[in-house]
Amino acid sequence: MQFSRDTKRFLFLLSAFTVGLALLVRHFSSIGLWFTGVYQTLVPFIVGACLAFLLNVPMHMFDALFSRKFKGRELMSSKVRRPVCLILSLLLVLLLIVLFSIIVLPQLVNTVSSLAGSVMNFVPTGQMWITRFTEWLSQYPEALEIIYPYIPDVNQIASTIIAFVQRYAGLVVSTVVSQASSFFGNVTNVIIMVVFAVYVLLQKDALSRQGRKLIYAFLPKRFCDSTLRVAHMAYRTFFSYVTIQCTEACILGSLCFVGMLLFRFPYAVVISVIMLFCALIPIYGAIFSCIVGAFLVLFENPAQAPWFVLFILVLQQVETNLIYPRVVSTSINLPSMWVLLAVTAGGGLFGIAGMIMAVPLTSIAYTLLGEITRKRLIERHLSPDNPAAPDETQN
């Protein structure tokens, strides 16, 4: 019995798949350990690639600045401009790290350490408020009988807050320090990470050409065209998203710091830094920073807490409606409903990293799905805008 060429190929692939699956099941633990070792080896290169992408944002800004023409000539030639822009980007990141370590980090430590004292100082004020409320409510015995069991014990609340801060704040700090020390404590990993990021940024044009040649040499042209289009869309979306979020975060953090100094709110540096980092997370970041800031102000000066919340709400509205549209010229193609869904799902599955990465990934999927849907509707002679209506182009 003779088999066709396609049948032989199918039987060969099926046999190879069966043998591979059997070997995978039998040696699953060994293969898992091997993949773990490979991943640990590639971690510096993965982090270096992420660092290169982040450094590309300020590098692109410096490149646009130095590529301007003055009296018909560019300020700097292209061969010199890229290394200079890379050095300036590295110096900028290093300066931010130094400023954070010298100015912000001590303030955060002092705030956490003094928060317990602020909470205990708030206890008499809270007890006075509850006493006055109970005295006023005593005029209405029926309401007092219903509400009184739900009146909180201020001392118990204060003890719970102090225990929570001491437990989780210390846990977060120790976890971050241990993780950072385990990675950055290895000098080899740091050197590989930085050198790889520098190489990628200096040779990104050559790497792009090599990648295109490689995939076009071994894969179908149609598949390569689609892959490059999606890759370009992903790069543009991520670059735009990082630029937008970083710009918005810096503006919002700076305005918050200046406003808190003008209105004499406590913890100006700490709350501004919290707002700057939380602004990188869409939707939930603004809510979280407002709650944490109001919490800190409440225990330091209860009378200022409502005014602080009002200040933050006004600041976010001004930044969103006036400053943000003027500073950012591009945006991700994703409706607000899907942004909320992406942030919620990403945070639930992968934590803070998932909340940050979910929006651009969902934007890419949303755009591709829209293009595929439009193409399928046109192939079926349906109107892309209203599929239930007949396609007028066929009349």
Protein backbone atom coordinates (compact mmCIF):
# COMPACT_ATOMS: atom_id res chain seq x y z
CA MET A 1 0.00 0.00 0.00
CA GLN A 2 1.46 3.29 -1.13
CA PHE A 3 1.02 6.51 0.89
CA SER A 4 0.98 9.95 -0.60
CA ARG A 5 3.67 12.47 0.26
CA ASP A 6 1.29 14.50 2.45
CA THR A 7 0.21 11.35 4.30
CA LYS A 8 3.80 10.35 4.97
CA ARG A 9 4.58 13.84 6.26
CA PHE A 10 1.52 13.76 8.53
CA LEU A 11 2.43 10.32 9.93
CA PHE A 12 6.01 11.45 10.54
CA LEU A 13 4.90 14.60 12.37
CA LEU A 14 2.35 12.62 14.40
CA SER A 15 5.00 10.07 15.41
CA ALA A 16 7.48 12.81 16.33
CA PHE A 17 4.84 14.60 18.38
CA THR A 18 3.89 11.38 20.20
CA VAL A 19 7.51 10.53 21.02
CA GLY A 20 8.19 14.11 22.15
CA LEU A 21 5.10 14.15 24.36
CA ALA A 22 6.07 10.83 25.94
CA LEU A 23 9.60 12.07 26.67
CA LEU A 24 8.19 15.30 28.11
CA VAL A 25 5.87 13.44 30.48
CA ARG A 26 8.57 10.97 31.55
CA HIS A 27 11.29 13.57 32.16
CA PHE A 28 9.05 16.49 33.16
CA SER A 29 11.00 17.39 36.32
CA SER A 30 14.39 17.32 34.57
CA ILE A 31 13.07 19.41 31.69
CA GLY A 32 11.52 21.85 34.16
CA LEU A 33 14.85 22.26 35.96
CA TRP A 34 16.59 22.79 32.63
CA PHE A 35 14.13 25.52 31.60
CA THR A 36 14.52 27.14 35.02
CA GLY A 37 18.29 27.23 34.56
CA VAL A 38 17.93 28.70 31.08
CA TYR A 39 15.55 31.36 32.39
CA GLN A 40 17.91 32.32 35.23
CA THR A 41 20.74 32.61 32.71
CA LEU A 42 18.66 34.83 30.43
CA VAL A 43 17.31 37.10 33.21
CA PRO A 44 20.11 39.72 32.82
CA PHE A 45 19.46 39.87 29.08
CA ILE A 46 15.69 40.19 29.59
CA VAL A 47 16.17 42.97 32.14
CA GLY A 48 18.73 44.57 29.83
CA ALA A 49 16.24 44.55 26.95
CA CYS A 50 13.61 46.18 29.20
CA LEU A 51 16.18 48.74 30.33
CA ALA A 52 17.05 49.47 26.70
CA PHE A 53 13.38 50.06 25.89
CA LEU A 54 12.99 52.44 28.85
CA LEU A 55 16.22 54.29 28.03
CA ASN A 56 15.01 54.66 24.46
CA VAL A 57 12.34 57.10 25.67
CA PRO A 58 14.70 59.86 26.91
CA MET A 59 17.15 58.91 24.16
CA HIS A 60 14.49 59.62 21.55
CA MET A 61 13.83 62.98 23.22
CA PHE A 62 17.51 63.95 23.14
CA ASP A 63 17.82 62.72 19.55
CA ALA A 64 14.92 64.93 18.46
CA LEU A 65 16.57 67.87 20.21
CA PHE A 66 20.03 67.45 18.69
CA SER A 67 18.74 66.61 15.20
CA ARG A 68 17.25 70.08 14.78
CA LYS A 69 18.84 72.28 12.17
CA PHE A 70 20.55 75.56 12.94
CA LYS A 71 21.37 77.80 9.96
CA GLY A 72 20.71 74.92 7.58
CA ARG A 73 22.93 72.42 9.41
CA GLU A 74 22.15 69.81 12.05
CA LEU A 75 23.40 70.55 15.54
CA MET A 76 25.10 67.15 15.66
CA SER A 77 25.89 64.48 13.08
CA SER A 78 24.05 61.16 13.25
CA LYS A 79 27.21 59.15 14.09
CA VAL A 80 27.95 61.32 17.11
CA ARG A 81 24.35 61.98 18.12
CA ARG A 82 23.39 58.45 19.14
CA PRO A 83 26.27 57.84 21.61
CA VAL A 84 25.79 61.31 23.10
CA CYS A 85 22.04 60.74 23.52
CA LEU A 86 22.71 57.36 25.14
CA ILE A 87 25.21 58.85 27.61
CA LEU A 88 22.80 61.66 28.51
CA SER A 89 19.98 59.12 29.03
CA LEU A 90 22.16 57.01 31.34
CA LEU A 91 23.20 60.10 33.29
CA LEU A 92 19.56 61.16 33.60
CA VAL A 93 18.52 57.78 35.00
CA LEU A 94 21.51 57.76 37.36
CA LEU A 95 20.63 61.26 38.56
CA LEU A 96 17.04 60.20 39.28
CA ILE A 97 18.25 57.18 41.25
CA VAL A 98 20.64 59.32 43.30
CA LEU A 99 17.98 61.95 44.01
CA PHE A 100 15.52 59.25 45.05
CA SER A 101 18.08 57.64 47.35
CA ILE A 102 19.19 60.91 48.95
CA ILE A 103 15.94 62.89 49.18
CA VAL A 104 12.91 60.64 48.80
CA LEU A 105 13.96 57.38 50.45
CA PRO A 106 14.83 58.96 53.85
CA GLN A 107 11.51 60.81 53.80
CA LEU A 108 9.65 57.55 53.17
CA VAL A 109 11.48 55.82 56.02
CA ASN A 110 10.81 58.70 58.41
CA THR A 111 7.14 58.78 57.42
CA VAL A 112 6.64 55.08 58.07
CA SER A 113 8.50 55.27 61.38
CA SER A 114 6.55 58.32 62.59
CA LEU A 115 3.18 57.10 61.37
CA ALA A 116 2.57 55.08 64.54
CA GLY A 117 3.07 58.21 66.66
CA SER A 118 0.72 60.18 64.42
CA VAL A 119 -1.94 57.50 64.77
CA MET A 120 -1.67 57.53 68.57
CA ASN A 121 -1.83 61.34 68.60
CA PHE A 122 -5.03 61.10 66.60
CA VAL A 123 -6.68 58.85 69.20
CA PRO A 124 -7.79 61.68 71.56
CA THR A 125 -9.21 63.66 68.65
CA GLY A 126 -11.12 60.64 67.40
CA GLN A 127 -12.47 59.90 70.86
CA MET A 128 -13.60 63.53 71.20
CA TRP A 129 -15.44 63.32 67.85
CA ILE A 130 -17.19 60.10 68.87
CA THR A 131 -18.14 61.55 72.26
CA ARG A 132 -19.68 64.62 70.67
CA PHE A 133 -21.50 62.49 68.11
CA THR A 134 -22.86 60.22 70.86
CA GLU A 135 -24.01 63.22 72.93
CA TRP A 136 -25.81 64.69 69.92
CA LEU A 137 -27.31 61.31 69.06
CA SER A 138 -28.58 60.88 72.64
CA GLN A 139 -31.31 63.36 71.77
CA TYR A 140 -32.76 60.60 69.56
CA PRO A 141 -32.86 57.46 71.75
CA GLU A 142 -34.28 55.18 69.06
CA ALA A 143 -31.53 56.10 66.58
CA LEU A 144 -28.88 55.82 69.31
CA GLU A 145 -30.05 52.29 70.15
CA ILE A 146 -29.64 51.25 66.51
CA ILE A 147 -26.35 53.03 65.74
CA TYR A 148 -24.50 52.61 69.06
CA PRO A 149 -23.39 48.97 68.48
CA TYR A 150 -21.70 50.10 65.25
CA ILE A 151 -19.73 53.00 66.76
CA PRO A 152 -16.07 51.99 66.46
CA ASP A 153 -13.52 51.79 69.24
CA VAL A 154 -10.82 54.32 68.37
CA ASN A 155 -8.13 52.58 70.42
CA GLN A 156 -8.80 49.27 68.71
CA ILE A 157 -8.71 50.91 65.27
CA ALA A 158 -5.43 52.65 66.10
CA SER A 159 -3.87 49.40 67.31
CA THR A 160 -5.00 47.61 64.15
CA ILE A 161 -3.55 50.34 61.90
CA ILE A 162 -0.23 50.34 63.75
CA ALA A 163 0.02 46.56 63.57
CA PHE A 164 -0.84 46.65 59.85
CA VAL A 165 1.78 49.31 59.09
CA GLN A 166 4.49 47.60 61.11
CA ARG A 167 3.77 44.25 59.53
CA TYR A 168 3.18 45.03 55.86
CA ALA A 169 5.37 48.10 55.50
CA GLY A 170 8.30 46.16 56.91
CA LEU A 171 7.41 43.18 54.75
CA VAL A 172 7.29 45.27 51.57
CA VAL A 173 10.55 47.07 52.36
CA SER A 174 12.37 43.86 53.27
CA THR A 175 11.05 42.08 50.15
CA VAL A 176 12.07 44.89 47.81
CA VAL A 177 15.49 45.23 49.42
CA SER A 178 16.13 41.48 49.37
CA GLN A 179 15.03 41.10 45.74
CA ALA A 180 17.07 44.10 44.64
CA SER A 181 20.10 42.94 46.62
CA SER A 182 19.89 39.41 45.23
CA PHE A 183 19.89 40.68 41.66
CA PHE A 184 21.96 43.84 41.75
CA GLY A 185 24.30 42.38 44.36
CA ASN A 186 25.66 40.15 41.60
CA VAL A 187 28.09 42.45 39.79
CA THR A 188 28.17 40.15 36.78
CA ASN A 189 24.40 40.46 36.26
CA VAL A 190 24.57 44.26 36.47
CA ILE A 191 27.45 44.46 33.99
CA ILE A 192 25.74 42.10 31.53
CA MET A 193 22.45 44.00 31.87
CA VAL A 194 23.98 47.45 31.24
CA VAL A 195 26.31 46.29 28.45
CA PHE A 196 23.50 44.45 26.68
CA ALA A 197 21.19 47.49 26.94
CA VAL A 198 23.93 49.77 25.58
CA TYR A 199 24.63 47.36 22.72
CA VAL A 200 20.94 47.14 21.80
CA LEU A 201 20.55 50.92 21.76
CA LEU A 202 23.71 51.56 19.77
CA GLN A 203 23.03 48.78 17.26
CA LYS A 204 19.23 48.87 17.10
CA ASP A 205 19.18 49.68 13.36
CA ALA A 206 21.57 46.82 12.55
CA LEU A 207 19.61 44.43 14.79
CA SER A 208 16.39 45.43 13.04
CA ARG A 209 17.90 44.72 9.60
CA GLN A 210 19.32 41.39 10.75
CA GLY A 211 15.99 40.35 12.21
CA ARG A 212 14.12 41.19 9.02
CA LYS A 213 16.63 39.29 6.89
CA LEU A 214 16.41 36.26 9.17
CA ILE A 215 12.64 35.89 9.16
CA TYR A 216 12.28 36.62 5.43
CA ALA A 217 14.94 33.99 4.67
CA PHE A 218 13.17 31.12 6.44
CA LEU A 219 9.47 32.05 6.67
CA PRO A 220 6.72 32.82 4.11
CA LYS A 221 6.67 36.44 2.93
CA ARG A 222 3.02 36.98 3.84
CA PHE A 223 3.63 35.78 7.37
CA CYS A 224 6.73 37.99 7.65
CA ASP A 225 4.81 41.05 6.46
CA SER A 226 2.07 40.47 9.05
CA THR A 227 4.62 39.79 11.80
CA LEU A 228 6.56 42.98 11.11
CA ARG A 229 3.36 45.02 10.97
CA VAL A 230 2.23 43.68 14.35
CA ALA A 231 5.73 44.19 15.80
CA HIS A 232 5.76 47.80 14.60
CA MET A 233 2.30 48.34 16.05
CA ALA A 234 3.39 46.83 19.38
CA TYR A 235 6.52 49.02 19.52
CA ARG A 236 4.56 52.15 18.66
CA THR A 237 1.86 51.35 21.22
CA PHE A 238 4.29 50.55 24.05
CA PHE A 239 6.49 53.54 23.27
CA SER A 240 3.50 55.88 23.19
CA TYR A 241 2.08 54.37 26.37
CA VAL A 242 5.36 54.65 28.31
CA THR A 243 5.89 58.22 27.11
CA ILE A 244 2.34 59.24 27.97
CA GLN A 245 2.32 57.67 31.43
CA CYS A 246 5.79 58.96 32.39
CA THR A 247 4.96 62.48 31.19
CA GLU A 248 1.65 62.47 33.02
CA ALA A 249 3.24 61.07 36.18
CA CYS A 250 6.01 63.71 36.25
CA ILE A 251 3.56 66.56 35.67
CA LEU A 252 1.09 65.30 38.24
CA GLY A 253 3.78 64.66 40.86
CA SER A 254 5.35 68.10 40.35
CA LEU A 255 2.01 69.92 40.53
CA CYS A 256 1.07 67.95 43.63
CA PHE A 257 4.35 68.86 45.36
CA VAL A 258 4.06 72.58 44.52
CA GLY A 259 0.39 72.70 45.55
CA MET A 260 0.99 70.92 48.84
CA LEU A 261 3.78 73.36 49.68
CA LEU A 262 1.55 76.33 48.87
CA PHE A 263 -1.36 75.04 50.96
CA ARG A 264 0.98 73.78 53.71
CA PHE A 265 -0.20 70.17 53.64
CA PRO A 266 2.00 67.70 55.56
CA TYR A 267 4.05 64.95 53.93
CA ALA A 268 4.46 66.92 50.69
CA VAL A 269 7.47 64.93 49.42
CA VAL A 270 6.11 61.49 50.34
CA ILE A 271 2.62 62.02 48.94
CA SER A 272 3.98 63.58 45.74
CA VAL A 273 6.29 60.60 45.17
CA ILE A 274 3.43 58.17 45.84
CA MET A 275 1.26 60.06 43.35
CA LEU A 276 4.08 60.08 40.78
CA PHE A 277 4.52 56.30 40.88
CA CYS A 278 0.79 55.56 41.18
CA ALA A 279 0.10 57.70 38.11
CA LEU A 280 1.83 54.98 36.05
CA ILE A 281 -1.15 52.73 36.85
CA PRO A 282 -4.31 53.86 34.99
CA ILE A 283 -7.53 54.53 36.95
CA TYR A 284 -6.61 52.72 40.18
CA GLY A 285 -3.35 54.62 40.67
CA ALA A 286 -5.10 57.96 41.14
CA ILE A 287 -7.64 56.45 43.55
CA PHE A 288 -4.96 54.69 45.60
CA SER A 289 -2.71 57.77 45.85
CA CYS A 290 -5.65 59.95 46.94
CA ILE A 291 -6.68 57.47 49.66
CA VAL A 292 -3.13 57.02 50.98
CA GLY A 293 -2.49 60.77 50.95
CA ALA A 294 -5.75 61.53 52.73
CA PHE A 295 -4.93 58.82 55.28
CA LEU A 296 -1.54 60.41 56.06
CA VAL A 297 -2.93 63.94 56.25
CA LEU A 298 -5.82 62.80 58.44
CA PHE A 299 -3.56 61.51 61.20
CA GLU A 300 -1.24 64.51 61.03
CA ASN A 301 -3.90 67.24 60.79
CA PRO A 302 -7.52 66.01 60.64
CA ALA A 303 -8.90 69.44 59.71
CA GLN A 304 -6.85 69.49 56.50
CA ALA A 305 -7.91 66.04 55.25
CA PRO A 306 -11.14 67.16 53.46
CA TRP A 307 -9.29 70.08 51.88
CA PHE A 308 -6.55 67.72 50.73
CA VAL A 309 -9.08 65.43 49.02
CA LEU A 310 -10.65 68.45 47.32
CA PHE A 311 -7.19 69.63 46.22
CA ILE A 312 -6.33 66.24 44.70
CA LEU A 313 -9.67 66.02 42.86
CA VAL A 314 -9.24 69.51 41.38
CA LEU A 315 -5.60 68.77 40.49
CA GLN A 316 -6.50 65.57 38.66
CA GLN A 317 -9.28 67.29 36.73
CA VAL A 318 -6.98 70.15 35.70
CA GLU A 319 -4.23 67.75 34.67
CA THR A 320 -6.59 65.44 32.76
CA ASN A 321 -8.64 68.07 30.93
CA LEU A 322 -6.15 70.93 30.39
CA ILE A 323 -2.52 69.83 30.62
CA TYR A 324 -2.67 66.21 29.45
CA PRO A 325 -4.23 66.85 25.99
CA ARG A 326 -1.68 69.61 25.27
CA VAL A 327 1.41 67.70 26.35
CA VAL A 328 0.53 64.36 24.75
CA SER A 329 -0.22 64.36 21.03
CA THR A 330 -0.85 60.60 20.66
CA SER A 331 -2.76 58.08 22.70
CA ILE A 332 -3.51 54.39 22.76
CA ASN A 333 -6.50 53.25 20.76
CA LEU A 334 -8.56 51.79 23.62
CA PRO A 335 -11.92 52.90 25.06
CA SER A 336 -12.14 53.61 28.79
CA MET A 337 -14.28 50.55 29.47
CA TRP A 338 -11.59 48.22 28.12
CA VAL A 339 -8.89 50.13 30.01
CA LEU A 340 -10.76 49.44 33.26
CA LEU A 341 -11.22 45.78 32.35
CA ALA A 342 -7.56 45.38 31.31
CA VAL A 343 -6.21 47.01 34.47
CA THR A 344 -8.50 44.94 36.72
CA ALA A 345 -7.73 41.64 35.01
CA GLY A 346 -4.00 42.35 34.71
CA GLY A 347 -3.74 43.33 38.36
CA GLY A 348 -5.67 40.26 39.48
CA LEU A 349 -3.45 37.88 37.47
CA PHE A 350 0.02 39.46 37.63
CA GLY A 351 -0.09 42.23 40.25
CA ILE A 352 1.24 45.73 39.63
CA ALA A 353 3.29 44.64 36.61
CA GLY A 354 0.14 43.19 35.07
CA MET A 355 -1.78 46.43 35.67
CA ILE A 356 0.91 48.41 33.83
CA MET A 357 1.40 45.99 30.92
CA ALA A 358 -2.26 45.04 30.42
CA VAL A 359 -3.30 48.34 28.81
CA PRO A 360 -0.87 48.36 25.82
CA LEU A 361 -1.33 44.62 25.28
CA THR A 362 -5.11 45.01 25.27
CA SER A 363 -4.78 47.99 22.93
CA ILE A 364 -2.82 45.86 20.44
CA ALA A 365 -5.34 43.02 20.65
CA TYR A 366 -8.23 45.49 20.33
CA THR A 367 -6.75 47.05 17.17
CA LEU A 368 -5.92 43.70 15.54
CA LEU A 369 -9.33 42.26 16.34
CA GLY A 370 -10.99 45.37 14.86
CA GLU A 371 -8.97 45.03 11.64
CA ILE A 372 -9.73 41.32 11.30
CA THR A 373 -13.44 41.89 12.01
CA ARG A 374 -13.64 44.67 9.41
CA LYS A 375 -11.88 42.51 6.83
CA ARG A 376 -14.20 39.53 7.44
CA LEU A 377 -17.30 41.70 7.17
CA ILE A 378 -16.10 43.12 3.84
CA GLU A 379 -15.38 39.59 2.56
CA ARG A 380 -18.94 38.61 3.48
CA HIS A 381 -20.28 41.70 1.65
CA LEU A 382 -21.52 43.30 4.87
CA SER A 383 -21.18 46.90 5.94
CA PRO A 384 -18.35 47.27 8.53
CA ASP A 385 -20.22 50.08 10.29
CA ASN A 386 -23.63 48.40 10.32
CA PRO A 387 -23.50 44.66 9.50
CA ALA A 388 -27.27 44.31 9.81
CA ALA A 389 -27.76 46.73 6.91
CA PRO A 390 -27.03 45.70 3.29
CA ASP A 391 -23.67 46.75 1.85
CA GLU A 392 -24.35 49.73 -0.45
CA THR A 393 -21.19 49.00 -2.51
CA GLN A 394 -22.86 45.88 -3.89
CA ASN A 395 -25.81 47.82 -5.31
